[in-house]
Amino acid sequence: MEKKTTNLIWIVLAIIFGIAGIIFFLLTEDMRLPMVTFDIWTIVNAIFFAMVILSLLLAFGKEKNKEYKGAEAGRMVLFGH
Protein backbone atom coordinates (compact mmCIF):
# COMPACT_ATOMS: atom_id res chain seq x y z
CA MET A 1 0.00 0.00 0.00
CA GLU A 2 2.84 2.38 0.86
CA LYS A 3 4.54 1.70 -2.49
CA LYS A 4 1.40 2.61 -4.44
CA THR A 5 1.04 5.81 -2.41
CA THR A 6 4.65 6.78 -3.10
CA ASN A 7 4.23 6.06 -6.82
CA LEU A 8 1.04 8.09 -6.89
CA ILE A 9 2.82 11.03 -5.25
CA TRP A 10 5.59 10.94 -7.88
CA ILE A 11 3.04 10.71 -10.70
CA VAL A 12 1.08 13.69 -9.33
CA LEU A 13 4.34 15.65 -9.02
CA ALA A 14 5.20 14.81 -12.65
CA ILE A 15 1.80 16.11 -13.77
CA ILE A 16 2.22 19.30 -11.71
CA PHE A 17 5.73 19.89 -13.11
CA GLY A 18 4.47 19.29 -16.65
CA ILE A 19 1.58 21.72 -16.30
CA ALA A 20 3.85 24.29 -14.64
CA GLY A 21 6.30 23.97 -17.52
CA ILE A 22 3.57 24.58 -20.10
CA ILE A 23 2.23 27.60 -18.20
CA PHE A 24 5.75 28.96 -17.72
CA PHE A 25 6.46 28.57 -21.44
CA LEU A 26 3.27 30.40 -22.40
CA LEU A 27 4.00 33.24 -19.96
CA THR A 28 7.64 33.76 -20.96
CA GLU A 29 7.58 33.38 -24.75
CA ASP A 30 6.77 36.51 -26.74
CA MET A 31 5.20 35.26 -29.96
CA ARG A 32 5.60 38.66 -31.65
CA LEU A 33 9.39 38.37 -31.72
CA PRO A 34 11.30 36.31 -34.30
CA MET A 35 11.77 32.71 -33.30
CA VAL A 36 15.10 31.76 -31.74
CA THR A 37 16.38 28.27 -31.04
CA PHE A 38 17.89 28.98 -27.64
CA ASP A 39 17.33 31.71 -25.06
CA ILE A 40 17.45 32.01 -21.26
CA TRP A 41 13.97 30.55 -20.89
CA THR A 42 15.02 27.39 -22.73
CA ILE A 43 17.19 26.45 -19.75
CA VAL A 44 14.29 26.93 -17.33
CA ASN A 45 11.97 24.85 -19.51
CA ALA A 46 14.63 22.14 -19.74
CA ILE A 47 14.77 22.09 -15.92
CA PHE A 48 10.99 21.58 -15.78
CA PHE A 49 11.33 18.76 -18.30
CA ALA A 50 14.12 17.14 -16.27
CA MET A 51 11.97 17.29 -13.12
CA VAL A 52 9.13 15.53 -14.95
CA ILE A 53 11.44 12.79 -16.22
CA LEU A 54 13.07 12.36 -12.81
CA SER A 55 9.74 12.07 -11.00
CA LEU A 56 8.46 9.53 -13.55
CA LEU A 57 11.65 7.49 -13.18
CA LEU A 58 11.23 7.53 -9.41
CA ALA A 59 7.62 6.44 -9.79
CA PHE A 60 8.16 3.58 -12.23
CA GLY A 61 11.88 2.79 -12.14
CA LYS A 62 11.89 1.05 -8.76
CA GLU A 63 9.45 -1.65 -9.82
CA LYS A 64 11.72 -2.92 -12.60
CA ASN A 65 14.74 -3.01 -10.29
CA LYS A 66 12.87 -5.12 -7.74
CA GLU A 67 11.68 -7.54 -10.44
CA TYR A 68 15.24 -7.87 -11.75
CA LYS A 69 16.66 -8.45 -8.27
CA GLY A 70 14.00 -11.08 -7.66
CA ALA A 71 14.94 -12.83 -10.90
CA GLU A 72 18.63 -12.67 -9.98
CA ALA A 73 17.93 -14.13 -6.54
CA GLY A 74 15.94 -16.96 -8.11
CA ARG A 75 18.71 -17.71 -10.58
CA MET A 76 21.33 -17.74 -7.83
CA VAL A 77 19.32 -20.26 -5.83
CA LEU A 78 18.69 -22.38 -8.94
CA PHE A 79 22.33 -22.50 -10.04
CA GLY A 80 23.88 -22.51 -6.56
CA HIS A 81 25.71 -19.17 -6.74
PDB file of N, CA and C in Angstrom:
ATOM      1  N   MET A   1       0.819  -1.188   0.000  1.00  0.00           N
ATOM      2  CA  MET A   1       0.000   0.000   0.000  1.00  0.00           C
ATOM      3  C   MET A   1       0.864   1.253   0.000  1.00  0.00           C
ATOM      4  N   GLU A   2       1.953   1.214   0.774  1.00  0.00           N
ATOM      5  CA  GLU A   2       2.842   2.376   0.856  1.00  0.00           C
ATOM      6  C   GLU A   2       3.534   2.631  -0.481  1.00  0.00           C
ATOM      7  N   LYS A   3       3.871   1.570  -1.200  1.00  0.00           N
ATOM      8  CA  LYS A   3       4.538   1.695  -2.489  1.00  0.00           C
ATOM      9  C   LYS A   3       3.623   2.377  -3.506  1.00  0.00           C
ATOM     10  N   LYS A   4       2.350   1.992  -3.518  1.00  0.00           N
ATOM     11  CA  LYS A   4       1.400   2.611  -4.438  1.00  0.00           C
ATOM     12  C   LYS A   4       1.206   4.083  -4.108  1.00  0.00           C
ATOM     13  N   THR A   5       1.191   4.419  -2.820  1.00  0.00           N
ATOM     14  CA  THR A   5       1.041   5.809  -2.412  1.00  0.00           C
ATOM     15  C   THR A   5       2.246   6.628  -2.846  1.00  0.00           C
ATOM     16  N   THR A   6       3.438   6.080  -2.685  1.00  0.00           N
ATOM     17  CA  THR A   6       4.651   6.780  -3.101  1.00  0.00           C
ATOM     18  C   THR A   6       4.665   6.977  -4.613  1.00  0.00           C
ATOM     19  N   ASN A   7       4.301   5.935  -5.366  1.00  0.00           N
ATOM     20  CA  ASN A   7       4.233   6.057  -6.822  1.00  0.00           C
ATOM     21  C   ASN A   7       3.214   7.103  -7.230  1.00  0.00           C
ATOM     22  N   LEU A   8       2.080   7.121  -6.562  1.00  0.00           N
ATOM     23  CA  LEU A   8       1.042   8.095  -6.888  1.00  0.00           C
ATOM     24  C   LEU A   8       1.534   9.518  -6.626  1.00  0.00           C
ATOM     25  N   ILE A   9       2.272   9.709  -5.554  1.00  0.00           N
ATOM     26  CA  ILE A   9       2.822  11.035  -5.246  1.00  0.00           C
ATOM     27  C   ILE A   9       3.771  11.475  -6.362  1.00  0.00           C
ATOM     28  N   TRP A  10       4.654  10.583  -6.820  1.00  0.00           N
ATOM     29  CA  TRP A  10       5.590  10.945  -7.883  1.00  0.00           C
ATOM     30  C   TRP A  10       4.871  11.229  -9.190  1.00  0.00           C
ATOM     31  N   ILE A  11       3.808  10.475  -9.481  1.00  0.00           N
ATOM     32  CA  ILE A  11       3.038  10.711 -10.701  1.00  0.00           C
ATOM     33  C   ILE A  11       2.337  12.064 -10.632  1.00  0.00           C
ATOM     34  N   VAL A  12       1.742  12.390  -9.493  1.00  0.00           N
ATOM     35  CA  VAL A  12       1.081  13.685  -9.328  1.00  0.00           C
ATOM     36  C   VAL A  12       2.100  14.814  -9.463  1.00  0.00           C
ATOM     37  N   LEU A  13       3.298  14.641  -8.883  1.00  0.00           N
ATOM     38  CA  LEU A  13       4.342  15.651  -9.023  1.00  0.00           C
ATOM     39  C   LEU A  13       4.763  15.815 -10.485  1.00  0.00           C
ATOM     40  N   ALA A  14       4.846  14.727 -11.226  1.00  0.00           N
ATOM     41  CA  ALA A  14       5.199  14.814 -12.645  1.00  0.00           C
ATOM     42  C   ALA A  14       4.149  15.603 -13.414  1.00  0.00           C
ATOM     43  N   ILE A  15       2.878  15.373 -13.107  1.00  0.00           N
ATOM     44  CA  ILE A  15       1.799  16.111 -13.765  1.00  0.00           C
ATOM     45  C   ILE A  15       1.877  17.590 -13.412  1.00  0.00           C
ATOM     46  N   ILE A  16       2.110  17.895 -12.145  1.00  0.00           N
ATOM     47  CA  ILE A  16       2.219  19.295 -11.710  1.00  0.00           C
ATOM     48  C   ILE A  16       3.398  19.977 -12.401  1.00  0.00           C
ATOM     49  N   PHE A  17       4.565  19.314 -12.445  1.00  0.00           N
ATOM     50  CA  PHE A  17       5.734  19.891 -13.114  1.00  0.00           C
ATOM     51  C   PHE A  17       5.461  20.103 -14.602  1.00  0.00           C
ATOM     52  N   GLY A  18       4.784  19.158 -15.223  1.00  0.00           N
ATOM     53  CA  GLY A  18       4.469  19.292 -16.648  1.00  0.00           C
ATOM     54  C   GLY A  18       3.551  20.467 -16.927  1.00  0.00           C
ATOM     55  N   ILE A  19       2.504  20.601 -16.130  1.00  0.00           N
ATOM     56  CA  ILE A  19       1.577  21.724 -16.301  1.00  0.00           C
ATOM     57  C   ILE A  19       2.278  23.046 -16.003  1.00  0.00           C
ATOM     58  N   ALA A  20       3.114  23.066 -14.964  1.00  0.00           N
ATOM     59  CA  ALA A  20       3.852  24.285 -14.636  1.00  0.00           C
ATOM     60  C   ALA A  20       4.793  24.667 -15.772  1.00  0.00           C
ATOM     61  N   GLY A  21       5.420  23.690 -16.393  1.00  0.00           N
ATOM     62  CA  GLY A  21       6.305  23.970 -17.522  1.00  0.00           C
ATOM     63  C   GLY A  21       5.557  24.570 -18.701  1.00  0.00           C
ATOM     64  N   ILE A  22       4.382  24.044 -18.999  1.00  0.00           N
ATOM     65  CA  ILE A  22       3.571  24.582 -20.096  1.00  0.00           C
ATOM     66  C   ILE A  22       3.139  26.009 -19.795  1.00  0.00           C
ATOM     67  N   ILE A  23       2.659  26.248 -18.582  1.00  0.00           N
ATOM     68  CA  ILE A  23       2.235  27.597 -18.196  1.00  0.00           C
ATOM     69  C   ILE A  23       3.419  28.561 -18.232  1.00  0.00           C
ATOM     70  N   PHE A  24       4.555  28.120 -17.716  1.00  0.00           N
ATOM     71  CA  PHE A  24       5.753  28.957 -17.721  1.00  0.00           C
ATOM     72  C   PHE A  24       6.173  29.292 -19.147  1.00  0.00           C
ATOM     73  N   PHE A  25       6.115  28.320 -20.049  1.00  0.00           N
ATOM     74  CA  PHE A  25       6.456  28.569 -21.439  1.00  0.00           C
ATOM     75  C   PHE A  25       5.530  29.612 -22.047  1.00  0.00           C
ATOM     76  N   LEU A  26       4.233  29.461 -21.821  1.00  0.00           N
ATOM     77  CA  LEU A  26       3.273  30.405 -22.404  1.00  0.00           C
ATOM     78  C   LEU A  26       3.437  31.811 -21.831  1.00  0.00           C
ATOM     79  N   LEU A  27       3.830  31.920 -20.577  1.00  0.00           N
ATOM     80  CA  LEU A  27       3.999  33.237 -19.964  1.00  0.00           C
ATOM     81  C   LEU A  27       5.305  33.916 -20.368  1.00  0.00           C
ATOM     82  N   THR A  28       6.335  33.166 -20.699  1.00  0.00           N
ATOM     83  CA  THR A  28       7.641  33.758 -20.959  1.00  0.00           C
ATOM     84  C   THR A  28       7.959  33.944 -22.438  1.00  0.00           C
ATOM     85  N   GLU A  29       7.283  33.256 -23.325  1.00  0.00           N
ATOM     86  CA  GLU A  29       7.585  33.382 -24.747  1.00  0.00           C
ATOM     87  C   GLU A  29       6.755  34.492 -25.368  1.00  0.00           C
ATOM     88  N   ASP A  30       7.434  35.419 -26.029  1.00  0.00           N
ATOM     89  CA  ASP A  30       6.771  36.508 -26.737  1.00  0.00           C
ATOM     90  C   ASP A  30       6.637  36.087 -28.199  1.00  0.00           C
ATOM     91  N   MET A  31       5.434  35.785 -28.627  1.00  0.00           N
ATOM     92  CA  MET A  31       5.198  35.256 -29.962  1.00  0.00           C
ATOM     93  C   MET A  31       5.348  36.330 -31.051  1.00  0.00           C
ATOM     94  N   ARG A  32       5.432  37.595 -30.663  1.00  0.00           N
ATOM     95  CA  ARG A  32       5.598  38.664 -31.651  1.00  0.00           C
ATOM     96  C   ARG A  32       7.038  38.775 -32.133  1.00  0.00           C
ATOM     97  N   LEU A  33       7.986  38.288 -31.352  1.00  0.00           N
ATOM     98  CA  LEU A  33       9.394  38.370 -31.717  1.00  0.00           C
ATOM     99  C   LEU A  33       9.766  37.244 -32.678  1.00  0.00           C
ATOM    100  N   PRO A  34      10.843  37.410 -33.432  1.00  0.00           N
ATOM    101  CA  PRO A  34      11.298  36.311 -34.296  1.00  0.00           C
ATOM    102  C   PRO A  34      11.691  35.092 -33.454  1.00  0.00           C
ATOM    103  N   MET A  35      11.487  33.937 -34.029  1.00  0.00           N
ATOM    104  CA  MET A  35      11.773  32.708 -33.297  1.00  0.00           C
ATOM    105  C   MET A  35      13.283  32.504 -33.164  1.00  0.00           C
ATOM    106  N   VAL A  36      13.704  32.110 -31.976  1.00  0.00           N
ATOM    107  CA  VAL A  36      15.099  31.758 -31.739  1.00  0.00           C
ATOM    108  C   VAL A  36      15.144  30.328 -31.222  1.00  0.00           C
ATOM    109  N   THR A  37      16.244  29.657 -31.467  1.00  0.00           N
ATOM    110  CA  THR A  37      16.377  28.268 -31.036  1.00  0.00           C
ATOM    111  C   THR A  37      16.655  28.163 -29.555  1.00  0.00           C
ATOM    112  N   PHE A  38      17.446  29.091 -29.028  1.00  0.00           N
ATOM    113  CA  PHE A  38      17.887  28.985 -27.642  1.00  0.00           C
ATOM    114  C   PHE A  38      17.895  30.369 -27.003  1.00  0.00           C
ATOM    115  N   ASP A  39      17.266  30.487 -25.850  1.00  0.00           N
ATOM    116  CA  ASP A  39      17.334  31.709 -25.057  1.00  0.00           C
ATOM    117  C   ASP A  39      17.371  31.316 -23.580  1.00  0.00           C
ATOM    118  N   ILE A  40      17.341  32.297 -22.703  1.00  0.00           N
ATOM    119  CA  ILE A  40      17.454  32.014 -21.259  1.00  0.00           C
ATOM    120  C   ILE A  40      16.294  31.156 -20.759  1.00  0.00           C
ATOM    121  N   TRP A  41      15.125  31.304 -21.358  1.00  0.00           N
ATOM    122  CA  TRP A  41      13.967  30.546 -20.887  1.00  0.00           C
ATOM    123  C   TRP A  41      14.029  29.086 -21.314  1.00  0.00           C
ATOM    124  N   THR A  42      14.848  28.779 -22.311  1.00  0.00           N
ATOM    125  CA  THR A  42      15.024  27.394 -22.727  1.00  0.00           C
ATOM    126  C   THR A  42      15.632  26.566 -21.600  1.00  0.00           C
ATOM    127  N   ILE A  43      16.560  27.150 -20.873  1.00  0.00           N
ATOM    128  CA  ILE A  43      17.190  26.453 -19.746  1.00  0.00           C
ATOM    129  C   ILE A  43      16.155  26.149 -18.666  1.00  0.00           C
ATOM    130  N   VAL A  44      15.308  27.126 -18.367  1.00  0.00           N
ATOM    131  CA  VAL A  44      14.287  26.926 -17.325  1.00  0.00           C
ATOM    132  C   VAL A  44      13.297  25.853 -17.759  1.00  0.00           C
ATOM    133  N   ASN A  45      12.882  25.873 -19.019  1.00  0.00           N
ATOM    134  CA  ASN A  45      11.969  24.847 -19.513  1.00  0.00           C
ATOM    135  C   ASN A  45      12.625  23.471 -19.521  1.00  0.00           C
ATOM    136  N   ALA A  46      13.914  23.409 -19.794  1.00  0.00           N
ATOM    137  CA  ALA A  46      14.635  22.137 -19.737  1.00  0.00           C
ATOM    138  C   ALA A  46      14.684  21.603 -18.304  1.00  0.00           C
ATOM    139  N   ILE A  47      14.783  22.504 -17.333  1.00  0.00           N
ATOM    140  CA  ILE A  47      14.774  22.086 -15.924  1.00  0.00           C
ATOM    141  C   ILE A  47      13.413  21.503 -15.558  1.00  0.00           C
ATOM    142  N   PHE A  48      12.328  22.148 -16.007  1.00  0.00           N
ATOM    143  CA  PHE A  48      10.991  21.583 -15.776  1.00  0.00           C
ATOM    144  C   PHE A  48      10.879  20.199 -16.401  1.00  0.00           C
ATOM    145  N   PHE A  49      11.383  20.047 -17.621  1.00  0.00           N
ATOM    146  CA  PHE A  49      11.332  18.757 -18.301  1.00  0.00           C
ATOM    147  C   PHE A  49      12.120  17.704 -17.536  1.00  0.00           C
ATOM    148  N   ALA A  50      13.298  18.075 -17.044  1.00  0.00           N
ATOM    149  CA  ALA A  50      14.116  17.141 -16.272  1.00  0.00           C
ATOM    150  C   ALA A  50      13.414  16.715 -14.984  1.00  0.00           C
ATOM    151  N   MET A  51      12.704  17.647 -14.340  1.00  0.00           N
ATOM    152  CA  MET A  51      11.974  17.292 -13.119  1.00  0.00           C
ATOM    153  C   MET A  51      10.850  16.313 -13.418  1.00  0.00           C
ATOM    154  N   VAL A  52      10.181  16.479 -14.560  1.00  0.00           N
ATOM    155  CA  VAL A  52       9.128  15.535 -14.945  1.00  0.00           C
ATOM    156  C   VAL A  52       9.720  14.155 -15.184  1.00  0.00           C
ATOM    157  N   ILE A  53      10.799  14.082 -15.936  1.00  0.00           N
ATOM    158  CA  ILE A  53      11.437  12.794 -16.225  1.00  0.00           C
ATOM    159  C   ILE A  53      11.930  12.131 -14.942  1.00  0.00           C
ATOM    160  N   LEU A  54      12.553  12.905 -14.068  1.00  0.00           N
ATOM    161  CA  LEU A  54      13.065  12.357 -12.810  1.00  0.00           C
ATOM    162  C   LEU A  54      11.929  11.811 -11.941  1.00  0.00           C
ATOM    163  N   SER A  55      10.837  12.548 -11.842  1.00  0.00           N
ATOM    164  CA  SER A  55       9.740  12.069 -11.003  1.00  0.00           C
ATOM    165  C   SER A  55       9.084  10.829 -11.608  1.00  0.00           C
ATOM    166  N   LEU A  56       9.009  10.737 -12.930  1.00  0.00           N
ATOM    167  CA  LEU A  56       8.460   9.526 -13.547  1.00  0.00           C
ATOM    168  C   LEU A  56       9.397   8.338 -13.361  1.00  0.00           C
ATOM    169  N   LEU A  57      10.700   8.579 -13.434  1.00  0.00           N
ATOM    170  CA  LEU A  57      11.650   7.493 -13.177  1.00  0.00           C
ATOM    171  C   LEU A  57      11.563   7.009 -11.736  1.00  0.00           C
ATOM    172  N   LEU A  58      11.377   7.930 -10.815  1.00  0.00           N
ATOM    173  CA  LEU A  58      11.232   7.531  -9.414  1.00  0.00           C
ATOM    174  C   LEU A  58       9.926   6.787  -9.179  1.00  0.00           C
ATOM    175  N   ALA A  59       8.905   7.112  -9.959  1.00  0.00           N
ATOM    176  CA  ALA A  59       7.616   6.435  -9.792  1.00  0.00           C
ATOM    177  C   ALA A  59       7.637   5.031 -10.372  1.00  0.00           C
ATOM    178  N   PHE A  60       8.246   4.861 -11.536  1.00  0.00           N
ATOM    179  CA  PHE A  60       8.162   3.581 -12.228  1.00  0.00           C
ATOM    180  C   PHE A  60       9.474   2.816 -12.277  1.00  0.00           C
ATOM    181  N   GLY A  61      10.590   3.443 -12.018  1.00  0.00           N
ATOM    182  CA  GLY A  61      11.883   2.787 -12.139  1.00  0.00           C
ATOM    183  C   GLY A  61      12.156   1.769 -11.056  1.00  0.00           C
ATOM    184  N   LYS A  62      11.625   1.954  -9.877  1.00  0.00           N
ATOM    185  CA  LYS A  62      11.895   1.052  -8.757  1.00  0.00           C
ATOM    186  C   LYS A  62      11.269  -0.317  -8.969  1.00  0.00           C
ATOM    187  N   GLU A  63      10.122  -0.371  -9.624  1.00  0.00           N
ATOM    188  CA  GLU A  63       9.449  -1.648  -9.823  1.00  0.00           C
ATOM    189  C   GLU A  63      10.293  -2.589 -10.679  1.00  0.00           C
ATOM    190  N   LYS A  64      10.913  -2.074 -11.730  1.00  0.00           N
ATOM    191  CA  LYS A  64      11.719  -2.916 -12.605  1.00  0.00           C
ATOM    192  C   LYS A  64      12.952  -3.424 -11.876  1.00  0.00           C
ATOM    193  N   ASN A  65      13.566  -2.589 -11.046  1.00  0.00           N
ATOM    194  CA  ASN A  65      14.738  -3.012 -10.295  1.00  0.00           C
ATOM    195  C   ASN A  65      14.400  -4.149  -9.341  1.00  0.00           C
ATOM    196  N   LYS A  66      13.258  -4.071  -8.674  1.00  0.00           N
ATOM    197  CA  LYS A  66      12.872  -5.124  -7.740  1.00  0.00           C
ATOM    198  C   LYS A  66      12.590  -6.426  -8.481  1.00  0.00           C
ATOM    199  N   GLU A  67      11.944  -6.335  -9.660  1.00  0.00           N
ATOM    200  CA  GLU A  67      11.685  -7.539 -10.438  1.00  0.00           C
ATOM    201  C   GLU A  67      13.001  -8.171 -10.887  1.00  0.00           C
ATOM    202  N   TYR A  68      13.948  -7.361 -11.292  1.00  0.00           N
ATOM    203  CA  TYR A  68      15.240  -7.870 -11.745  1.00  0.00           C
ATOM    204  C   TYR A  68      15.990  -8.521 -10.591  1.00  0.00           C
ATOM    205  N   LYS A  69      15.977  -7.881  -9.430  1.00  0.00           N
ATOM    206  CA  LYS A  69      16.662  -8.448  -8.270  1.00  0.00           C
ATOM    207  C   LYS A  69      16.009  -9.763  -7.856  1.00  0.00           C
ATOM    208  N   GLY A  70      14.690  -9.833  -7.979  1.00  0.00           N
ATOM    209  CA  GLY A  70      14.004 -11.078  -7.662  1.00  0.00           C
ATOM    210  C   GLY A  70      14.388 -12.182  -8.629  1.00  0.00           C
ATOM    211  N   ALA A  71      14.535 -11.850  -9.902  1.00  0.00           N
ATOM    212  CA  ALA A  71      14.939 -12.833 -10.898  1.00  0.00           C
ATOM    213  C   ALA A  71      16.377 -13.273 -10.655  1.00  0.00           C
ATOM    214  N   GLU A  72      17.246 -12.322 -10.289  1.00  0.00           N
ATOM    215  CA  GLU A  72      18.635 -12.666  -9.983  1.00  0.00           C
ATOM    216  C   GLU A  72      18.710 -13.591  -8.776  1.00  0.00           C
ATOM    217  N   ALA A  73      17.924 -13.306  -7.738  1.00  0.00           N
ATOM    218  CA  ALA A  73      17.934 -14.134  -6.542  1.00  0.00           C
ATOM    219  C   ALA A  73      17.454 -15.546  -6.876  1.00  0.00           C
ATOM    220  N   GLY A  74      16.439 -15.657  -7.712  1.00  0.00           N
ATOM    221  CA  GLY A  74      15.935 -16.963  -8.107  1.00  0.00           C
ATOM    222  C   GLY A  74      16.956 -17.735  -8.916  1.00  0.00           C
ATOM    223  N   ARG A  75      17.685 -17.052  -9.771  1.00  0.00           N
ATOM    224  CA  ARG A  75      18.707 -17.714 -10.575  1.00  0.00           C
ATOM    225  C   ARG A  75      19.869 -18.167  -9.701  1.00  0.00           C
ATOM    226  N   MET A  76      20.240 -17.356  -8.700  1.00  0.00           N
ATOM    227  CA  MET A  76      21.330 -17.735  -7.825  1.00  0.00           C
ATOM    228  C   MET A  76      20.979 -18.976  -7.018  1.00  0.00           C
ATOM    229  N   VAL A  77      19.739 -19.086  -6.598  1.00  0.00           N
ATOM    230  CA  VAL A  77      19.315 -20.259  -5.833  1.00  0.00           C
ATOM    231  C   VAL A  77      19.296 -21.470  -6.753  1.00  0.00           C
ATOM    232  N   LEU A  78      18.813 -21.276  -7.983  1.00  0.00           N
ATOM    233  CA  LEU A  78      18.686 -22.375  -8.939  1.00  0.00           C
ATOM    234  C   LEU A  78      20.058 -22.928  -9.329  1.00  0.00           C
ATOM    235  N   PHE A  79      21.023 -22.051  -9.581  1.00  0.00           N
ATOM    236  CA  PHE A  79      22.329 -22.501 -10.038  1.00  0.00           C
ATOM    237  C   PHE A  79      23.368 -22.601  -8.915  1.00  0.00           C
ATOM    238  N   GLY A  80      22.984 -22.327  -7.693  1.00  0.00           N
ATOM    239  CA  GLY A  80      23.877 -22.513  -6.558  1.00  0.00           C
ATOM    240  C   GLY A  80      24.952 -21.466  -6.424  1.00  0.00           C
ATOM    241  N   HIS A  81      24.712 -20.248  -6.890  1.00  0.00           N
ATOM    242  CA  HIS A  81      25.708 -19.170  -6.737  1.00  0.00           C
ATOM    243  C   HIS A  81      25.489 -18.449  -5.439  1.00  0.00           C
TER     244      HIS A  81
END
